[in-house]
Amino acid sequence: MKTYEFKIIGMTCEHCAVAISKSLDVGGVTDKNVSYAQANAVVSFDENIIDDVKIQQYIEKSNQYKVTGFKQVLHDANKKHLVIIGGGSSAFAATIAARERGIEVTMINAGLPIGGTCVNVGCVPSKTLIRAAETVFKANTNPFNGMNSSAKVDNFEAIIKDKDDLVLDLRKQKYIDIIKDMSGFRFIKGRASLINSTSVKVNDEVIQATHIIIATGSKSMIPNIRGLRDVDYLTNIEAFELKTLPSSIIIIGGSYIALEIAQMFSRLGSRVTVLERSSHILSKQHKDIADELSKYLAQEGINIVTNNDIQEVGKKDNKIIVTTLVDKKQKLYKADKLIVATGRQANTQDMNLEQIGVRLNKNSSIRTNKYLQTSIDNIYAVGDVTGQNMFVYTAAYEGKLAVGNAFDDIKTVADYDVLPWVIFTDPQVAGVGLDEIQAKEKKIDYETALLPLSYIPKAIAARDTRGFIKLLKNKADDKLIGARIVAPEGSELLMQISQAIKFGITVSELKDMLYPYLTMSEGIKLAAITFSKDVKELSCCAT
């Protein structure tokens, strides 16, 4: 197999490049890239079937074009070049890990600006808007006597501008500034497609690579509902760009994105209705979690409707109208805006993946093994595009891990056994390890302990006892195997419980080790005493 570059004169437009490319659809030619801008053709071919002279003849088949020279493109077998398709958290983690090893990197990005979902349309904008809404809510629900507080939204557009400024600032700090002076790194803006396992095409240029990492992320999955595409529905992207606060909103979906957005807009002043298909929100979680959160969202005025079979979406008198069957009875809901938050879909379209042998799952995400390799050994996939564990910190972990597995002698298995996650509603919902359903699936003989926050002095002192802490232990060895938390500061407690699960600490060990200095600020210590089922002990010690 050889690769030659042919310099060509006579091309006057992109159509000329297309015509020459078609003339090279002959036996023995395995790859070809004809560029009008660069006035050349880079052709890979099997020298046992065709040679460079014959290829020149095919290029000059039309008298309009002439080859002025050609040379063989030689590749250094020892030189490693990583092409990363995508520009989000996993792509940046992979870039840093590769450059630390002295590996040349080319990053190709299209769609969202540099930084991907998290900084542009996900974590950063949602969390700052959630905090803004929380400020309004807490000022108006002050639980302490002797003080008056209140707040209202005077200028919604100013809140959005603050969000936009923050996004621009963090995009520059955390992404653009990292790569702007990086040696051995090239950034290309454009949509990439794979020609084969070592060739990526972007903007009429073919990039040769020894290894490829696909980190193209995900997008909102839009359900097939009659009339939906005929109305101006919003996803999280458009919802965070609104300049006017809607007076009413319908949200289709009941998972974490839907619920975070629902509470945020409700606290800012919108009337919100959530339409969930399943029998309870957070359908992948145990029902007690969903019921606890539903209770508090309802108390804030959010209308949660479950067991929906949405029939049609339409518009009348500038109102969005959703027709749905609720427990098989027809209901109509009207609002100014409709937000669709029904899940995420991997960005794998128009990349030529299956054509070159990269296997996809039924939901179009990329299938990987335990080392994050695709069905082609030198091509890896990381982040949301794999359809699993769609968290920014997981994406960063996978980006770094994929580089290590691609270029180091020892491969490391991707480990998600102790993976903490948080839903940033208020109270937060947080989890790590197994829940009851997962423990049963693994045939683990488990025991649970549930501690209401109403027994926790710190929560009592803060005048906020919403929620509970639920721990699971393996009865066979007394080790913690999972936790689910509904609490205003659930994420803080979760990190400490995660460490106990990760290091295999037993409940008895925790109790003996931590009992003398129990404090709620060191929340993992609750695990040491919760299984005692002694409420008095909990009330006295978990302060």
Protein backbone atom coordinates (compact mmCIF):
# COMPACT_ATOMS: atom_id res chain seq x y z
CA MET A 1 0.00 0.00 0.00
CA LYS A 2 1.38 3.42 -0.99
CA THR A 3 0.17 7.01 -0.72
CA TYR A 4 1.04 9.69 -3.30
CA GLU A 5 0.28 13.39 -3.53
CA PHE A 6 -0.47 14.63 -7.06
CA LYS A 7 -0.24 18.37 -7.80
CA ILE A 8 -2.97 19.39 -10.28
CA ILE A 9 -3.65 22.47 -12.38
CA GLY A 10 -6.89 23.23 -14.19
CA MET A 11 -9.40 22.99 -11.32
CA THR A 12 -11.67 26.04 -11.24
CA CYS A 13 -14.16 25.09 -8.50
CA GLU A 14 -15.19 22.42 -5.99
CA HIS A 15 -17.09 20.57 -8.71
CA CYS A 16 -13.78 19.94 -10.49
CA ALA A 17 -12.45 18.23 -7.36
CA VAL A 18 -15.59 16.07 -7.25
CA ALA A 19 -15.15 15.13 -10.95
CA ILE A 20 -11.53 14.09 -10.42
CA SER A 21 -12.49 12.12 -7.31
CA LYS A 22 -15.10 10.20 -9.33
CA SER A 23 -12.53 9.42 -12.01
CA LEU A 24 -10.44 7.70 -9.33
CA ASP A 25 -13.22 5.25 -8.44
CA VAL A 26 -11.15 2.42 -9.88
CA GLY A 27 -9.76 -0.88 -8.67
CA GLY A 28 -6.72 -0.63 -6.42
CA VAL A 29 -7.46 2.89 -5.12
CA THR A 30 -8.28 2.56 -1.42
CA ASP A 31 -8.39 6.23 -0.32
CA LYS A 32 -8.54 9.50 -2.17
CA ASN A 33 -8.93 13.12 -1.22
CA VAL A 34 -9.05 15.74 -3.97
CA SER A 35 -8.82 19.37 -2.82
CA TYR A 36 -9.62 22.35 -5.02
CA ALA A 37 -8.22 24.72 -2.36
CA GLN A 38 -4.88 22.90 -2.18
CA ALA A 39 -4.83 21.97 -5.89
CA ASN A 40 -3.91 18.40 -5.17
CA ALA A 41 -5.07 14.83 -4.79
CA VAL A 42 -3.79 12.54 -2.05
CA VAL A 43 -4.33 8.95 -3.17
CA SER A 44 -3.66 5.67 -1.37
CA PHE A 45 -3.49 2.58 -3.56
CA ASP A 46 -2.48 -1.06 -3.75
CA GLU A 47 0.65 -1.11 -5.89
CA ASN A 48 -0.07 -4.72 -6.91
CA ILE A 49 -3.19 -3.54 -8.74
CA ILE A 50 -2.41 0.01 -9.91
CA ASP A 51 0.57 2.36 -10.02
CA ASP A 52 1.25 6.08 -9.86
CA VAL A 53 1.48 6.49 -13.65
CA LYS A 54 -1.94 4.91 -14.18
CA ILE A 55 -3.45 7.16 -11.47
CA GLN A 56 -2.03 10.21 -13.26
CA GLN A 57 -3.73 9.05 -16.44
CA TYR A 58 -7.07 8.77 -14.70
CA ILE A 59 -6.67 12.31 -13.28
CA GLU A 60 -5.85 13.64 -16.75
CA LYS A 61 -8.69 11.68 -18.38
CA SER A 62 -10.35 15.01 -18.95
CA ASN A 63 -8.06 17.31 -20.91
CA GLN A 64 -9.01 20.12 -18.51
CA TYR A 65 -6.73 18.83 -15.72
CA LYS A 66 -2.99 18.23 -15.72
CA VAL A 67 -0.67 16.70 -13.13
CA THR A 68 2.39 18.91 -12.69
CA GLY A 69 4.18 16.59 -10.30
CA PHE A 70 3.71 13.89 -7.72
CA LYS A 71 5.57 12.44 -4.75
CA GLN A 72 5.16 9.61 -2.31
CA VAL A 73 3.86 10.54 1.16
CA LEU A 74 6.06 8.73 3.65
CA HIS A 75 4.85 8.02 7.17
CA ASP A 76 7.15 7.66 10.15
CA ALA A 77 6.17 4.34 11.68
CA ASN A 78 7.35 5.50 15.10
CA LYS A 79 5.52 8.81 15.06
CA LYS A 80 2.22 8.74 16.92
CA HIS A 81 -0.59 11.08 16.01
CA LEU A 82 -3.90 11.20 17.86
CA VAL A 83 -6.94 12.69 16.14
CA ILE A 84 -9.73 13.63 18.56
CA ILE A 85 -13.16 14.27 17.11
CA GLY A 86 -15.03 16.55 19.51
CA GLY A 87 -14.23 19.56 21.66
CA GLY A 88 -15.77 18.92 25.09
CA SER A 89 -14.51 17.73 28.45
CA SER A 90 -13.46 14.26 27.32
CA ALA A 91 -11.64 15.68 24.30
CA PHE A 92 -9.69 18.11 26.44
CA ALA A 93 -8.80 15.49 29.04
CA ALA A 94 -7.55 13.27 26.23
CA THR A 95 -5.56 16.14 24.71
CA ILE A 96 -3.79 16.93 27.96
CA ALA A 97 -3.02 13.26 28.62
CA ALA A 98 -1.66 12.79 25.09
CA ARG A 99 0.55 15.87 25.15
CA GLU A 100 1.97 14.77 28.51
CA ARG A 101 3.20 11.69 26.63
CA GLY A 102 4.63 13.77 23.79
CA ILE A 103 1.99 12.62 21.31
CA GLU A 104 0.94 14.95 18.50
CA VAL A 105 -2.76 15.85 18.71
CA THR A 106 -5.27 17.19 16.21
CA MET A 107 -8.67 18.14 17.62
CA ILE A 108 -11.60 18.53 15.23
CA ASN A 109 -14.77 20.17 16.51
CA ALA A 110 -18.15 21.13 15.04
CA GLY A 111 -21.58 21.92 16.43
CA LEU A 112 -21.33 23.47 19.89
CA PRO A 113 -18.47 25.91 20.54
CA ILE A 114 -15.25 24.70 22.10
CA GLY A 115 -15.94 23.23 25.53
CA GLY A 116 -18.93 21.16 24.44
CA THR A 117 -22.15 20.64 26.37
CA CYS A 118 -21.02 21.31 29.93
CA VAL A 119 -19.72 24.85 29.69
CA ASN A 120 -21.96 26.04 26.85
CA VAL A 121 -25.43 24.58 27.33
CA GLY A 122 -25.26 22.18 30.27
CA CYS A 123 -23.58 22.31 33.68
CA VAL A 124 -22.50 25.95 33.76
CA PRO A 125 -25.63 27.74 32.49
CA SER A 126 -28.03 25.41 34.31
CA LYS A 127 -26.28 25.62 37.67
CA THR A 128 -25.92 29.39 37.68
CA LEU A 129 -29.61 29.80 36.75
CA ILE A 130 -30.58 27.25 39.41
CA ARG A 131 -28.68 29.30 42.01
CA ALA A 132 -30.34 32.50 40.83
CA ALA A 133 -33.74 30.87 41.24
CA GLU A 134 -32.74 29.51 44.64
CA THR A 135 -31.87 33.03 45.78
CA VAL A 136 -35.39 34.20 44.98
CA PHE A 137 -37.00 31.17 46.62
CA LYS A 138 -35.02 31.33 49.86
CA ALA A 139 -35.61 35.02 50.27
CA ASN A 140 -39.35 34.40 50.03
CA THR A 141 -39.40 31.31 52.28
CA ASN A 142 -37.18 32.52 55.11
CA PRO A 143 -37.81 30.15 58.07
CA PHE A 144 -36.30 32.35 60.78
CA ASN A 145 -38.21 34.71 63.05
CA GLY A 146 -37.07 38.26 63.64
CA MET A 147 -36.14 39.10 60.08
CA ASN A 148 -37.98 39.99 56.91
CA SER A 149 -36.75 39.04 53.47
CA SER A 150 -38.25 38.90 50.01
CA ALA A 151 -37.14 38.91 46.38
CA LYS A 152 -38.63 39.06 42.91
CA VAL A 153 -37.34 38.93 39.36
CA ASP A 154 -37.22 42.51 38.06
CA ASN A 155 -35.09 41.86 34.97
CA PHE A 156 -35.02 38.31 33.64
CA GLU A 157 -32.92 39.36 30.66
CA ALA A 158 -30.19 40.58 33.03
CA ILE A 159 -30.09 37.15 34.68
CA ILE A 160 -29.60 35.54 31.27
CA LYS A 161 -26.88 38.07 30.37
CA ASP A 162 -25.00 37.21 33.57
CA LYS A 163 -25.25 33.55 32.57
CA ASP A 164 -23.96 34.31 29.07
CA ASP A 165 -21.02 36.31 30.44
CA LEU A 166 -20.12 33.45 32.78
CA VAL A 167 -20.23 30.93 29.94
CA LEU A 168 -17.93 33.07 27.79
CA ASP A 169 -15.52 33.60 30.67
CA LEU A 170 -15.28 29.94 31.67
CA ARG A 171 -15.07 28.79 28.05
CA LYS A 172 -12.03 31.01 27.65
CA GLN A 173 -10.43 30.12 31.00
CA LYS A 174 -11.02 26.38 31.02
CA TYR A 175 -10.75 25.55 27.33
CA ILE A 176 -9.49 28.19 24.89
CA ASP A 177 -6.59 29.39 27.07
CA ILE A 178 -5.44 25.80 27.64
CA ILE A 179 -4.85 25.06 23.96
CA LYS A 180 -4.01 28.45 22.44
CA ASP A 181 -0.23 28.10 22.94
CA MET A 182 -0.01 24.31 23.22
CA SER A 183 2.83 22.83 21.18
CA GLY A 184 2.25 19.70 19.12
CA PHE A 185 -1.45 20.55 18.95
CA ARG A 186 -3.68 21.62 16.09
CA PHE A 187 -7.32 22.68 16.29
CA ILE A 188 -9.59 22.42 13.25
CA LYS A 189 -13.14 23.73 13.17
CA GLY A 190 -15.24 21.52 10.95
CA ARG A 191 -17.31 18.37 10.72
CA ALA A 192 -15.25 15.20 10.57
CA SER A 193 -15.96 11.86 8.94
CA LEU A 194 -13.84 8.75 8.93
CA ILE A 195 -12.42 7.44 5.65
CA ASN A 196 -10.84 4.41 7.28
CA SER A 197 -9.24 3.46 10.59
CA THR A 198 -6.35 5.90 10.13
CA SER A 199 -7.81 8.67 7.97
CA VAL A 200 -10.21 11.45 8.94
CA LYS A 201 -11.65 13.94 6.48
CA VAL A 202 -12.51 17.51 7.45
CA ASN A 203 -12.96 20.61 5.27
CA ASP A 204 -11.67 18.77 2.16
CA GLU A 205 -8.51 17.79 4.05
CA VAL A 206 -7.52 14.25 4.98
CA ILE A 207 -5.76 13.90 8.33
CA GLN A 208 -3.69 10.77 8.89
CA ALA A 209 -3.70 9.33 12.41
CA THR A 210 -2.25 6.38 14.26
CA HIS A 211 -5.11 6.54 16.77
CA ILE A 212 -8.55 8.17 16.84
CA ILE A 213 -10.75 9.12 19.79
CA ILE A 214 -14.41 9.89 19.09
CA ALA A 215 -15.77 12.34 21.68
CA THR A 216 -18.69 13.94 19.86
CA GLY A 217 -21.08 13.96 22.83
CA SER A 218 -24.87 13.87 22.65
CA LYS A 219 -27.88 15.99 21.83
CA SER A 220 -31.49 16.18 22.97
CA MET A 221 -33.55 13.20 21.88
CA ILE A 222 -36.82 14.39 20.36
CA PRO A 223 -39.74 11.94 20.65
CA ASN A 224 -41.98 11.12 17.72
CA ILE A 225 -45.11 12.98 18.82
CA ARG A 226 -47.67 14.13 16.27
CA GLY A 227 -47.42 17.86 15.66
CA LEU A 228 -44.34 18.38 17.83
CA ARG A 229 -42.09 19.46 14.99
CA ASP A 230 -44.70 21.94 13.80
CA VAL A 231 -44.47 24.06 16.97
CA ASP A 232 -41.61 26.10 18.38
CA TYR A 233 -40.59 23.67 21.10
CA LEU A 234 -37.48 24.27 23.20
CA THR A 235 -34.70 22.01 24.41
CA ASN A 236 -32.40 22.94 27.29
CA ILE A 237 -30.32 24.95 24.81
CA GLU A 238 -33.11 27.30 23.78
CA ALA A 239 -34.63 27.38 27.27
CA PHE A 240 -31.42 28.86 28.68
CA GLU A 241 -31.41 31.53 25.96
CA LEU A 242 -34.90 32.95 26.58
CA LYS A 243 -34.86 36.70 27.07
CA THR A 244 -38.39 36.88 28.53
CA LEU A 245 -39.62 34.77 31.43
CA PRO A 246 -42.61 32.69 30.22
CA SER A 247 -45.71 32.94 32.35
CA SER A 248 -46.38 29.23 31.84
CA ILE A 249 -44.33 26.23 30.69
CA ILE A 250 -45.05 22.59 29.90
CA ILE A 251 -42.09 20.22 30.20
CA ILE A 252 -42.23 16.82 28.54
CA GLY A 253 -40.02 14.46 30.54
CA GLY A 254 -39.42 13.66 34.18
CA SER A 255 -35.73 12.91 34.59
CA TYR A 256 -32.93 15.09 35.92
CA ILE A 257 -32.78 17.71 33.14
CA ALA A 258 -36.55 18.13 33.12
CA LEU A 259 -36.79 18.48 36.90
CA GLU A 260 -33.88 20.89 37.28
CA ILE A 261 -35.37 23.13 34.58
CA ALA A 262 -38.88 22.81 36.03
CA GLN A 263 -37.90 23.95 39.51
CA MET A 264 -35.64 26.71 38.18
CA PHE A 265 -38.38 28.32 36.08
CA SER A 266 -41.01 27.78 38.77
CA ARG A 267 -38.92 29.61 41.36
CA LEU A 268 -38.27 32.45 38.93
CA GLY A 269 -42.03 32.88 38.48
CA SER A 270 -43.34 30.58 35.72
CA ARG A 271 -46.27 28.19 36.19
CA VAL A 272 -44.81 24.79 35.37
CA THR A 273 -46.43 21.49 34.41
CA VAL A 274 -44.30 18.36 34.09
CA LEU A 275 -45.65 15.53 31.91
CA GLU A 276 -43.91 12.24 32.68
CA ARG A 277 -44.61 9.03 30.76
CA SER A 278 -43.80 6.61 33.60
CA SER A 279 -45.66 6.01 36.85
CA HIS A 280 -43.29 8.33 38.73
CA ILE A 281 -40.62 10.91 37.98
CA LEU A 282 -36.99 9.73 37.97
CA SER A 283 -38.26 6.43 36.57
CA LYS A 284 -34.84 4.76 36.88
CA GLN A 285 -34.76 5.38 40.63
CA HIS A 286 -36.56 3.58 43.43
CA LYS A 287 -40.07 4.92 44.00
CA ASP A 288 -39.35 6.24 47.50
CA ILE A 289 -36.81 8.67 46.02
CA ALA A 290 -39.27 9.90 43.41
CA ASP A 291 -42.11 10.24 45.89
CA GLU A 292 -40.00 12.25 48.31
CA LEU A 293 -38.85 14.72 45.66
CA SER A 294 -42.32 14.92 44.07
CA LYS A 295 -43.77 15.98 47.43
CA TYR A 296 -41.45 18.98 47.71
CA LEU A 297 -41.80 20.03 44.06
CA ALA A 298 -45.58 19.92 44.41
CA GLN A 299 -45.36 22.07 47.54
CA GLU A 300 -43.64 24.72 45.41
CA GLY A 301 -46.55 24.69 42.95
CA ILE A 302 -45.11 22.48 40.21
CA ASN A 303 -47.83 20.35 38.63
CA ILE A 304 -46.42 16.84 38.08
CA VAL A 305 -48.57 14.58 35.90
CA THR A 306 -47.49 10.94 35.54
CA ASN A 307 -48.70 8.02 33.40
CA ASN A 308 -48.89 10.17 30.28
CA ASP A 309 -49.40 8.90 26.75
CA ILE A 310 -49.00 12.12 24.77
CA GLN A 311 -51.15 12.08 21.64
CA GLU A 312 -50.56 15.40 19.95
CA VAL A 313 -48.97 18.81 20.23
CA GLY A 314 -50.47 21.89 18.59
CA LYS A 315 -50.74 25.65 18.85
CA LYS A 316 -53.74 27.94 19.17
CA ASP A 317 -53.99 31.63 20.11
CA ASN A 318 -50.21 31.73 20.75
CA LYS A 319 -50.49 28.91 23.28
CA ILE A 320 -48.90 25.48 23.03
CA ILE A 321 -51.52 22.76 23.55
CA VAL A 322 -50.58 19.22 24.55
CA THR A 323 -53.21 16.53 24.25
CA THR A 324 -52.42 13.48 26.36
CA LEU A 325 -54.00 10.40 27.87
CA VAL A 326 -53.50 10.26 31.64
CA ASP A 327 -54.42 6.83 32.93
CA LYS A 328 -56.25 6.45 29.58
CA LYS A 329 -58.33 9.61 30.13
CA GLN A 330 -57.83 12.51 27.72
CA LYS A 331 -56.39 15.72 29.18
CA LEU A 332 -55.39 19.03 27.59
CA TYR A 333 -52.62 21.26 28.91
CA LYS A 334 -51.87 24.78 27.67
CA ALA A 335 -48.80 26.98 28.16
CA ASP A 336 -46.75 29.75 26.58
CA LYS A 337 -43.71 27.53 26.06
CA LEU A 338 -43.00 23.83 25.62
CA ILE A 339 -39.69 22.30 26.70
CA VAL A 340 -38.73 18.80 25.56
CA ALA A 341 -36.42 16.96 27.98
CA THR A 342 -36.92 13.28 27.16
CA GLY A 343 -33.34 12.06 27.16
CA ARG A 344 -30.13 12.28 25.19
CA GLN A 345 -28.99 10.80 21.87
CA ALA A 346 -25.39 10.14 20.84
CA ASN A 347 -23.92 12.32 18.07
CA THR A 348 -22.87 9.64 15.58
CA GLN A 349 -24.69 10.76 12.45
CA ASP A 350 -22.91 11.44 9.14
CA MET A 351 -19.52 10.27 10.37
CA ASN A 352 -19.21 7.14 8.18
CA LEU A 353 -18.73 5.03 11.31
CA GLU A 354 -20.61 1.87 10.41
CA GLN A 355 -19.28 1.99 6.87
CA ILE A 356 -15.71 1.56 8.09
CA GLY A 357 -16.63 -1.06 10.71
CA VAL A 358 -17.30 0.88 13.92
CA ARG A 359 -20.21 -0.93 15.57
CA LEU A 360 -23.10 1.04 17.05
CA ASN A 361 -25.72 0.09 19.62
CA LYS A 362 -29.42 0.09 18.76
CA ASN A 363 -29.72 3.65 20.10
CA SER A 364 -26.91 4.81 17.75
CA SER A 365 -24.36 5.18 20.54
CA ILE A 366 -20.90 3.70 19.96
CA ARG A 367 -20.27 0.24 21.35
CA THR A 368 -17.03 -0.01 23.35
CA ASN A 369 -15.25 -2.68 25.37
CA LYS A 370 -13.96 -2.37 28.92
CA TYR A 371 -10.92 -0.43 27.66
CA LEU A 372 -13.11 2.07 25.73
CA GLN A 373 -12.02 0.59 22.39
CA THR A 374 -14.53 0.40 19.58
CA SER A 375 -14.77 -2.59 17.26
CA ILE A 376 -11.65 -1.16 15.56
CA ASP A 377 -8.64 -1.49 17.85
CA ASN A 378 -7.04 1.91 17.31
CA ILE A 379 -10.34 3.84 17.52
CA TYR A 380 -11.70 4.71 20.96
CA ALA A 381 -14.97 6.35 22.04
CA VAL A 382 -15.45 8.39 25.22
CA GLY A 383 -18.08 10.54 26.92
CA ASP A 384 -21.75 10.84 26.03
CA VAL A 385 -21.27 9.32 22.57
CA THR A 386 -21.05 5.89 24.25
CA GLY A 387 -24.56 6.34 25.68
CA GLN A 388 -23.45 5.46 29.21
CA ASN A 389 -22.82 7.48 32.39
CA MET A 390 -23.48 10.89 30.86
CA PHE A 391 -21.65 13.04 33.42
CA VAL A 392 -18.95 15.61 32.74
CA TYR A 393 -16.55 14.08 35.25
CA THR A 394 -17.08 10.62 33.70
CA ALA A 395 -16.29 12.07 30.28
CA ALA A 396 -13.05 13.58 31.56
CA TYR A 397 -12.12 10.31 33.26
CA GLU A 398 -12.75 8.36 30.05
CA GLY A 399 -10.77 10.78 27.90
CA LYS A 400 -7.69 10.35 30.06
CA LEU A 401 -8.20 6.59 30.36
CA ALA A 402 -8.57 6.10 26.60
CA VAL A 403 -5.23 7.81 25.95
CA GLY A 404 -3.52 5.62 28.52
CA ASN A 405 -5.01 2.48 26.98
CA ALA A 406 -4.10 3.61 23.46
CA PHE A 407 -0.46 4.47 24.10
CA ASP A 408 0.72 2.81 27.33
CA ASP A 409 1.92 -0.78 27.69
CA ILE A 410 -0.61 -1.62 30.41
CA LYS A 411 -4.32 -1.25 29.73
CA THR A 412 -6.75 -0.18 32.47
CA VAL A 413 -10.36 -1.28 32.71
CA ALA A 414 -12.94 1.51 32.95
CA ASP A 415 -14.35 1.29 36.49
CA TYR A 416 -17.78 2.73 37.30
CA ASP A 417 -18.55 0.71 40.43
CA VAL A 418 -18.28 3.75 42.70
CA LEU A 419 -19.72 6.49 40.52
CA PRO A 420 -21.39 9.32 42.44
CA TRP A 421 -24.13 11.33 40.76
CA VAL A 422 -26.26 14.30 41.77
CA ILE A 423 -29.50 15.85 40.52
CA PHE A 424 -29.38 19.56 41.37
CA THR A 425 -32.96 20.05 42.39
CA ASP A 426 -33.68 21.37 45.88
CA PRO A 427 -33.56 19.14 47.82
CA GLN A 428 -30.84 17.45 45.80
CA VAL A 429 -31.07 13.80 44.86
CA ALA A 430 -27.75 12.00 45.03
CA GLY A 431 -26.56 8.45 44.74
CA VAL A 432 -23.56 6.15 44.60
CA GLY A 433 -23.18 2.42 44.30
CA LEU A 434 -26.18 0.10 44.25
CA ASP A 435 -29.83 0.62 45.09
CA GLU A 436 -32.31 -2.10 46.08
CA ILE A 437 -33.16 -3.09 42.51
CA GLN A 438 -29.51 -3.37 41.48
CA ALA A 439 -28.59 -5.29 44.63
CA LYS A 440 -31.34 -7.82 43.89
CA GLU A 441 -30.13 -8.16 40.30
CA LYS A 442 -26.67 -9.00 41.64
CA LYS A 443 -28.21 -11.47 44.11
CA ILE A 444 -26.75 -9.60 47.10
CA ASP A 445 -28.36 -10.20 50.49
CA TYR A 446 -28.60 -6.58 51.57
CA GLU A 447 -29.99 -4.49 54.39
CA THR A 448 -31.14 -0.87 54.24
CA ALA A 449 -31.21 1.85 56.85
CA LEU A 450 -33.19 5.03 56.33
CA LEU A 451 -32.41 8.15 58.33
CA PRO A 452 -34.88 11.07 57.98
CA LEU A 453 -33.22 14.48 58.11
CA SER A 454 -35.72 15.38 60.83
CA TYR A 455 -33.45 13.39 63.20
CA ILE A 456 -30.32 15.37 62.26
CA PRO A 457 -29.55 18.32 64.57
CA LYS A 458 -27.71 20.21 61.82
CA ALA A 459 -30.81 20.03 59.61
CA ILE A 460 -33.05 20.99 62.53
CA ALA A 461 -30.83 23.98 63.31
CA ALA A 462 -30.96 25.07 59.68
CA ARG A 463 -34.78 24.86 59.77
CA ASP A 464 -34.68 22.54 56.75
CA THR A 465 -35.41 18.87 57.44
CA ARG A 466 -36.55 17.88 53.96
CA GLY A 467 -35.45 14.45 52.78
CA PHE A 468 -33.63 11.38 54.04
CA ILE A 469 -30.43 9.38 53.80
CA LYS A 470 -30.72 5.74 52.76
CA LEU A 471 -27.75 3.38 53.04
CA LEU A 472 -27.38 -0.17 51.81
CA LYS A 473 -24.96 -2.72 53.21
CA ASN A 474 -24.06 -6.27 52.25
CA LYS A 475 -25.17 -8.45 55.14
CA ALA A 476 -22.50 -11.02 54.31
CA ASP A 477 -19.52 -8.75 55.06
CA ASP A 478 -21.09 -5.63 56.65
CA LYS A 479 -19.70 -3.39 53.88
CA LEU A 480 -21.55 -0.41 52.47
CA ILE A 481 -22.61 -1.06 48.88
CA GLY A 482 -24.73 1.97 48.07
CA ALA A 483 -26.47 5.13 49.15
CA ARG A 484 -29.36 7.30 48.00
CA ILE A 485 -29.85 10.76 49.45
CA VAL A 486 -32.62 13.32 49.22
CA ALA A 487 -31.29 16.38 51.06
CA PRO A 488 -30.62 20.10 50.55
CA GLU A 489 -26.85 19.44 50.65
CA GLY A 490 -26.86 15.85 49.46
CA SER A 491 -23.80 16.21 47.22
CA GLU A 492 -21.52 17.09 50.13
CA LEU A 493 -22.52 14.02 52.10
CA LEU A 494 -22.36 11.79 49.02
CA MET A 495 -18.66 12.38 48.39
CA GLN A 496 -17.77 11.03 51.79
CA ILE A 497 -20.04 8.00 51.49
CA SER A 498 -18.46 7.29 48.10
CA GLN A 499 -15.04 6.99 49.71
CA ALA A 500 -16.32 4.51 52.27
CA ILE A 501 -17.80 2.33 49.51
CA LYS A 502 -14.69 2.66 47.35
CA PHE A 503 -12.34 1.47 50.08
CA GLY A 504 -14.64 -1.30 51.29
CA ILE A 505 -15.11 0.03 54.82
CA THR A 506 -17.57 -1.88 56.96
CA VAL A 507 -20.24 -0.29 59.11
CA SER A 508 -18.62 -1.70 62.25
CA GLU A 509 -15.20 -0.30 61.32
CA LEU A 510 -16.72 3.12 60.76
CA LYS A 511 -18.52 3.07 64.08
CA ASP A 512 -15.41 2.09 66.06
CA MET A 513 -13.20 4.52 64.16
CA LEU A 514 -15.42 7.58 64.01
CA TYR A 515 -17.78 7.42 66.97
CA PRO A 516 -15.63 9.61 69.29
CA TYR A 517 -15.87 12.65 67.00
CA LEU A 518 -19.13 12.36 65.12
CA THR A 519 -20.22 15.54 63.32
CA MET A 520 -22.68 16.06 60.52
CA SER A 521 -20.11 18.07 58.57
CA GLU A 522 -18.24 14.79 58.23
CA GLY A 523 -21.38 13.16 56.93
CA ILE A 524 -19.95 9.72 56.19
CA LYS A 525 -19.87 9.11 59.93
CA LEU A 526 -23.63 8.67 59.75
CA ALA A 527 -22.98 5.32 58.12
CA ALA A 528 -21.26 4.18 61.30
CA ILE A 529 -24.37 4.54 63.42
CA THR A 530 -27.38 4.45 61.15
CA PHE A 531 -27.70 0.68 61.06
CA SER A 532 -27.98 0.62 64.86
CA LYS A 533 -31.64 1.67 64.36
CA ASP A 534 -31.27 3.68 67.59
CA VAL A 535 -32.97 7.00 66.97
CA LYS A 536 -31.88 8.43 70.32
CA GLU A 537 -28.27 7.69 69.51
CA LEU A 538 -28.66 9.29 66.12
CA SER A 539 -30.26 12.37 67.60
CA CYS A 540 -27.49 12.82 70.15
CA CYS A 541 -24.44 12.07 68.04
CA ALA A 542 -25.11 13.04 64.46
CA THR A 543 -24.81 16.76 65.08
